[in-house]
Amino acid sequence: MRPVTNTDYDVVCHMEVDEEQALWTSEHKGRTFYFCHPACKEIFDRDPELFVE
């Protein structure tokens, strides 16, 4: 059985990301966003409002 981890979803590509293992993050309006790849982070950082509810 796999240990329980804190996971979130990459808001750009919707892949599941382990918050503790994520290499790429961005802060926006007091929230941390986690990314599976630097390209996803770059896309988000260009215009975060496109991905924020």
PDB file of N, CA and C in Angstrom:
ATOM      1  N   MET A   1       0.837  -1.183   0.000  1.00  0.00           N
ATOM      2  CA  MET A   1       0.000   0.000   0.000  1.00  0.00           C
ATOM      3  C   MET A   1       0.882   1.248   0.000  1.00  0.00           C
ATOM      4  N   ARG A   2       0.520   2.207  -0.835  1.00  0.00           N
ATOM      5  CA  ARG A   2       1.263   3.447  -0.957  1.00  0.00           C
ATOM      6  C   ARG A   2       0.929   4.380   0.202  1.00  0.00           C
ATOM      7  N   PRO A   3       1.934   5.094   0.760  1.00  0.00           N
ATOM      8  CA  PRO A   3       1.620   6.036   1.834  1.00  0.00           C
ATOM      9  C   PRO A   3       0.760   7.190   1.314  1.00  0.00           C
ATOM     10  N   VAL A   4      -0.066   7.721   2.198  1.00  0.00           N
ATOM     11  CA  VAL A   4      -0.917   8.847   1.834  1.00  0.00           C
ATOM     12  C   VAL A   4      -0.050  10.094   1.703  1.00  0.00           C
ATOM     13  N   THR A   5      -0.258  10.829   0.630  1.00  0.00           N
ATOM     14  CA  THR A   5       0.492  12.069   0.422  1.00  0.00           C
ATOM     15  C   THR A   5      -0.480  13.203   0.170  1.00  0.00           C
ATOM     16  N   ASN A   6       0.029  14.407   0.279  1.00  0.00           N
ATOM     17  CA  ASN A   6      -0.773  15.583  -0.053  1.00  0.00           C
ATOM     18  C   ASN A   6      -0.648  15.814  -1.542  1.00  0.00           C
ATOM     19  N   THR A   7      -1.748  15.707  -2.240  1.00  0.00           N
ATOM     20  CA  THR A   7      -1.711  15.892  -3.682  1.00  0.00           C
ATOM     21  C   THR A   7      -2.604  17.049  -4.102  1.00  0.00           C
ATOM     22  N   ASP A   8      -2.254  17.601  -5.222  1.00  0.00           N
ATOM     23  CA  ASP A   8      -3.033  18.658  -5.850  1.00  0.00           C
ATOM     24  C   ASP A   8      -2.958  18.393  -7.342  1.00  0.00           C
ATOM     25  N   TYR A   9      -3.631  19.219  -8.118  1.00  0.00           N
ATOM     26  CA  TYR A   9      -3.609  19.050  -9.564  1.00  0.00           C
ATOM     27  C   TYR A   9      -2.946  20.245 -10.223  1.00  0.00           C
ATOM     28  N   ASP A  10      -2.123  19.967 -11.200  1.00  0.00           N
ATOM     29  CA  ASP A  10      -1.522  20.997 -12.037  1.00  0.00           C
ATOM     30  C   ASP A  10      -2.681  21.660 -12.781  1.00  0.00           C
ATOM     31  N   VAL A  11      -2.876  22.960 -12.557  1.00  0.00           N
ATOM     32  CA  VAL A  11      -4.031  23.648 -13.150  1.00  0.00           C
ATOM     33  C   VAL A  11      -3.893  23.847 -14.653  1.00  0.00           C
ATOM     34  N   VAL A  12      -2.704  23.635 -15.195  1.00  0.00           N
ATOM     35  CA  VAL A  12      -2.490  23.799 -16.632  1.00  0.00           C
ATOM     36  C   VAL A  12      -2.829  22.512 -17.377  1.00  0.00           C
ATOM     37  N   CYS A  13      -2.249  21.391 -16.954  1.00  0.00           N
ATOM     38  CA  CYS A  13      -2.450  20.123 -17.685  1.00  0.00           C
ATOM     39  C   CYS A  13      -3.332  19.128 -16.929  1.00  0.00           C
ATOM     40  N   HIS A  14      -3.687  19.455 -15.679  1.00  0.00           N
ATOM     41  CA  HIS A  14      -4.588  18.650 -14.843  1.00  0.00           C
ATOM     42  C   HIS A  14      -3.994  17.319 -14.374  1.00  0.00           C
ATOM     43  N   MET A  15      -2.677  17.193 -14.405  1.00  0.00           N
ATOM     44  CA  MET A  15      -2.044  15.991 -13.847  1.00  0.00           C
ATOM     45  C   MET A  15      -1.982  16.112 -12.329  1.00  0.00           C
ATOM     46  N   GLU A  16      -2.039  14.971 -11.651  1.00  0.00           N
ATOM     47  CA  GLU A  16      -1.907  14.943 -10.208  1.00  0.00           C
ATOM     48  C   GLU A  16      -0.448  15.216  -9.841  1.00  0.00           C
ATOM     49  N   VAL A  17      -0.246  16.067  -8.827  1.00  0.00           N
ATOM     50  CA  VAL A  17       1.097  16.439  -8.391  1.00  0.00           C
ATOM     51  C   VAL A  17       1.188  16.251  -6.879  1.00  0.00           C
ATOM     52  N   ASP A  18       2.231  15.577  -6.426  1.00  0.00           N
ATOM     53  CA  ASP A  18       2.494  15.411  -5.002  1.00  0.00           C
ATOM     54  C   ASP A  18       3.093  16.722  -4.490  1.00  0.00           C
ATOM     55  N   GLU A  19       2.404  17.392  -3.584  1.00  0.00           N
ATOM     56  CA  GLU A  19       2.855  18.691  -3.084  1.00  0.00           C
ATOM     57  C   GLU A  19       4.240  18.616  -2.446  1.00  0.00           C
ATOM     58  N   GLU A  20       4.547  17.521  -1.792  1.00  0.00           N
ATOM     59  CA  GLU A  20       5.835  17.387  -1.107  1.00  0.00           C
ATOM     60  C   GLU A  20       6.985  17.128  -2.071  1.00  0.00           C
ATOM     61  N   GLN A  21       6.689  16.605  -3.249  1.00  0.00           N
ATOM     62  CA  GLN A  21       7.723  16.272  -4.224  1.00  0.00           C
ATOM     63  C   GLN A  21       7.786  17.257  -5.394  1.00  0.00           C
ATOM     64  N   ALA A  22       6.854  18.176  -5.463  1.00  0.00           N
ATOM     65  CA  ALA A  22       6.774  19.100  -6.604  1.00  0.00           C
ATOM     66  C   ALA A  22       8.033  19.956  -6.702  1.00  0.00           C
ATOM     67  N   LEU A  23       8.615  19.981  -7.879  1.00  0.00           N
ATOM     68  CA  LEU A  23       9.812  20.785  -8.120  1.00  0.00           C
ATOM     69  C   LEU A  23       9.465  22.199  -8.567  1.00  0.00           C
ATOM     70  N   TRP A  24       8.251  22.388  -9.092  1.00  0.00           N
ATOM     71  CA  TRP A  24       7.858  23.683  -9.648  1.00  0.00           C
ATOM     72  C   TRP A  24       6.582  24.167  -8.979  1.00  0.00           C
ATOM     73  N   THR A  25       6.657  25.360  -8.392  1.00  0.00           N
ATOM     74  CA  THR A  25       5.500  25.966  -7.740  1.00  0.00           C
ATOM     75  C   THR A  25       5.437  27.450  -8.083  1.00  0.00           C
ATOM     76  N   SER A  26       4.265  28.014  -7.926  1.00  0.00           N
ATOM     77  CA  SER A  26       4.060  29.457  -8.058  1.00  0.00           C
ATOM     78  C   SER A  26       3.078  29.889  -6.988  1.00  0.00           C
ATOM     79  N   GLU A  27       3.231  31.104  -6.528  1.00  0.00           N
ATOM     80  CA  GLU A  27       2.295  31.704  -5.583  1.00  0.00           C
ATOM     81  C   GLU A  27       1.454  32.717  -6.340  1.00  0.00           C
ATOM     82  N   HIS A  28       0.153  32.703  -6.062  1.00  0.00           N
ATOM     83  CA  HIS A  28      -0.740  33.688  -6.678  1.00  0.00           C
ATOM     84  C   HIS A  28      -1.894  33.944  -5.732  1.00  0.00           C
ATOM     85  N   LYS A  29      -2.069  35.190  -5.341  1.00  0.00           N
ATOM     86  CA  LYS A  29      -3.156  35.601  -4.443  1.00  0.00           C
ATOM     87  C   LYS A  29      -3.209  34.746  -3.180  1.00  0.00           C
ATOM     88  N   GLY A  30      -2.042  34.487  -2.598  1.00  0.00           N
ATOM     89  CA  GLY A  30      -1.964  33.757  -1.340  1.00  0.00           C
ATOM     90  C   GLY A  30      -2.112  32.253  -1.449  1.00  0.00           C
ATOM     91  N   ARG A  31      -2.173  31.736  -2.646  1.00  0.00           N
ATOM     92  CA  ARG A  31      -2.322  30.287  -2.847  1.00  0.00           C
ATOM     93  C   ARG A  31      -1.093  29.742  -3.565  1.00  0.00           C
ATOM     94  N   THR A  32      -0.687  28.541  -3.184  1.00  0.00           N
ATOM     95  CA  THR A  32       0.420  27.876  -3.861  1.00  0.00           C
ATOM     96  C   THR A  32      -0.136  26.937  -4.917  1.00  0.00           C
ATOM     97  N   PHE A  33       0.427  27.023  -6.110  1.00  0.00           N
ATOM     98  CA  PHE A  33       0.059  26.149  -7.221  1.00  0.00           C
ATOM     99  C   PHE A  33       1.243  25.246  -7.524  1.00  0.00           C
ATOM    100  N   TYR A  34       0.973  23.981  -7.799  1.00  0.00           N
ATOM    101  CA  TYR A  34       1.999  22.967  -8.028  1.00  0.00           C
ATOM    102  C   TYR A  34       1.946  22.510  -9.477  1.00  0.00           C
ATOM    103  N   PHE A  35       3.135  22.281 -10.055  1.00  0.00           N
ATOM    104  CA  PHE A  35       3.210  21.921 -11.471  1.00  0.00           C
ATOM    105  C   PHE A  35       4.051  20.675 -11.677  1.00  0.00           C
ATOM    106  N   CYS A  36       3.690  19.916 -12.696  1.00  0.00           N
ATOM    107  CA  CYS A  36       4.383  18.667 -13.005  1.00  0.00           C
ATOM    108  C   CYS A  36       5.601  18.896 -13.894  1.00  0.00           C
ATOM    109  N   HIS A  37       5.685  20.064 -14.518  1.00  0.00           N
ATOM    110  CA  HIS A  37       6.739  20.323 -15.508  1.00  0.00           C
ATOM    111  C   HIS A  37       6.990  21.833 -15.559  1.00  0.00           C
ATOM    112  N   PRO A  38       8.223  22.256 -15.831  1.00  0.00           N
ATOM    113  CA  PRO A  38       8.496  23.695 -15.883  1.00  0.00           C
ATOM    114  C   PRO A  38       7.701  24.421 -16.973  1.00  0.00           C
ATOM    115  N   ALA A  39       7.346  23.728 -18.043  1.00  0.00           N
ATOM    116  CA  ALA A  39       6.549  24.365 -19.098  1.00  0.00           C
ATOM    117  C   ALA A  39       5.163  24.750 -18.574  1.00  0.00           C
ATOM    118  N   CYS A  40       4.579  23.906 -17.728  1.00  0.00           N
ATOM    119  CA  CYS A  40       3.270  24.227 -17.146  1.00  0.00           C
ATOM    120  C   CYS A  40       3.381  25.452 -16.238  1.00  0.00           C
ATOM    121  N   LYS A  41       4.436  25.511 -15.444  1.00  0.00           N
ATOM    122  CA  LYS A  41       4.661  26.672 -14.578  1.00  0.00           C
ATOM    123  C   LYS A  41       4.822  27.934 -15.415  1.00  0.00           C
ATOM    124  N   GLU A  42       5.565  27.860 -16.489  1.00  0.00           N
ATOM    125  CA  GLU A  42       5.796  29.016 -17.354  1.00  0.00           C
ATOM    126  C   GLU A  42       4.482  29.520 -17.967  1.00  0.00           C
ATOM    127  N   ILE A  43       3.657  28.598 -18.428  1.00  0.00           N
ATOM    128  CA  ILE A  43       2.355  28.968 -19.000  1.00  0.00           C
ATOM    129  C   ILE A  43       1.494  29.655 -17.942  1.00  0.00           C
ATOM    130  N   PHE A  44       1.451  29.087 -16.746  1.00  0.00           N
ATOM    131  CA  PHE A  44       0.679  29.671 -15.652  1.00  0.00           C
ATOM    132  C   PHE A  44       1.198  31.061 -15.306  1.00  0.00           C
ATOM    133  N   ASP A  45       2.515  31.196 -15.167  1.00  0.00           N
ATOM    134  CA  ASP A  45       3.110  32.464 -14.751  1.00  0.00           C
ATOM    135  C   ASP A  45       2.858  33.595 -15.749  1.00  0.00           C
ATOM    136  N   ARG A  46       2.668  33.272 -17.013  1.00  0.00           N
ATOM    137  CA  ARG A  46       2.379  34.307 -18.024  1.00  0.00           C
ATOM    138  C   ARG A  46       1.044  35.000 -17.763  1.00  0.00           C
ATOM    139  N   ASP A  47       0.035  34.226 -17.323  1.00  0.00           N
ATOM    140  CA  ASP A  47      -1.294  34.794 -17.074  1.00  0.00           C
ATOM    141  C   ASP A  47      -2.065  33.906 -16.100  1.00  0.00           C
ATOM    142  N   PRO A  48      -1.747  34.005 -14.810  1.00  0.00           N
ATOM    143  CA  PRO A  48      -2.381  33.122 -13.823  1.00  0.00           C
ATOM    144  C   PRO A  48      -3.898  33.246 -13.768  1.00  0.00           C
ATOM    145  N   GLU A  49      -4.431  34.399 -14.093  1.00  0.00           N
ATOM    146  CA  GLU A  49      -5.885  34.586 -14.019  1.00  0.00           C
ATOM    147  C   GLU A  49      -6.644  33.650 -14.952  1.00  0.00           C
ATOM    148  N   LEU A  50      -5.996  33.158 -15.989  1.00  0.00           N
ATOM    149  CA  LEU A  50      -6.648  32.194 -16.885  1.00  0.00           C
ATOM    150  C   LEU A  50      -6.954  30.877 -16.181  1.00  0.00           C
ATOM    151  N   PHE A  51      -6.219  30.583 -15.106  1.00  0.00           N
ATOM    152  CA  PHE A  51      -6.310  29.280 -14.451  1.00  0.00           C
ATOM    153  C   PHE A  51      -6.913  29.336 -13.050  1.00  0.00           C
ATOM    154  N   VAL A  52      -7.221  30.530 -12.569  1.00  0.00           N
ATOM    155  CA  VAL A  52      -7.748  30.699 -11.218  1.00  0.00           C
ATOM    156  C   VAL A  52      -9.253  30.893 -11.296  1.00  0.00           C
ATOM    157  N   GLU A  53      -9.962  30.182 -10.442  1.00  0.00           N
ATOM    158  CA  GLU A  53     -11.431  30.300 -10.412  1.00  0.00           C
ATOM    159  C   GLU A  53     -11.846  31.594  -9.762  1.00  0.00           C
TER     160      GLU A  53
END
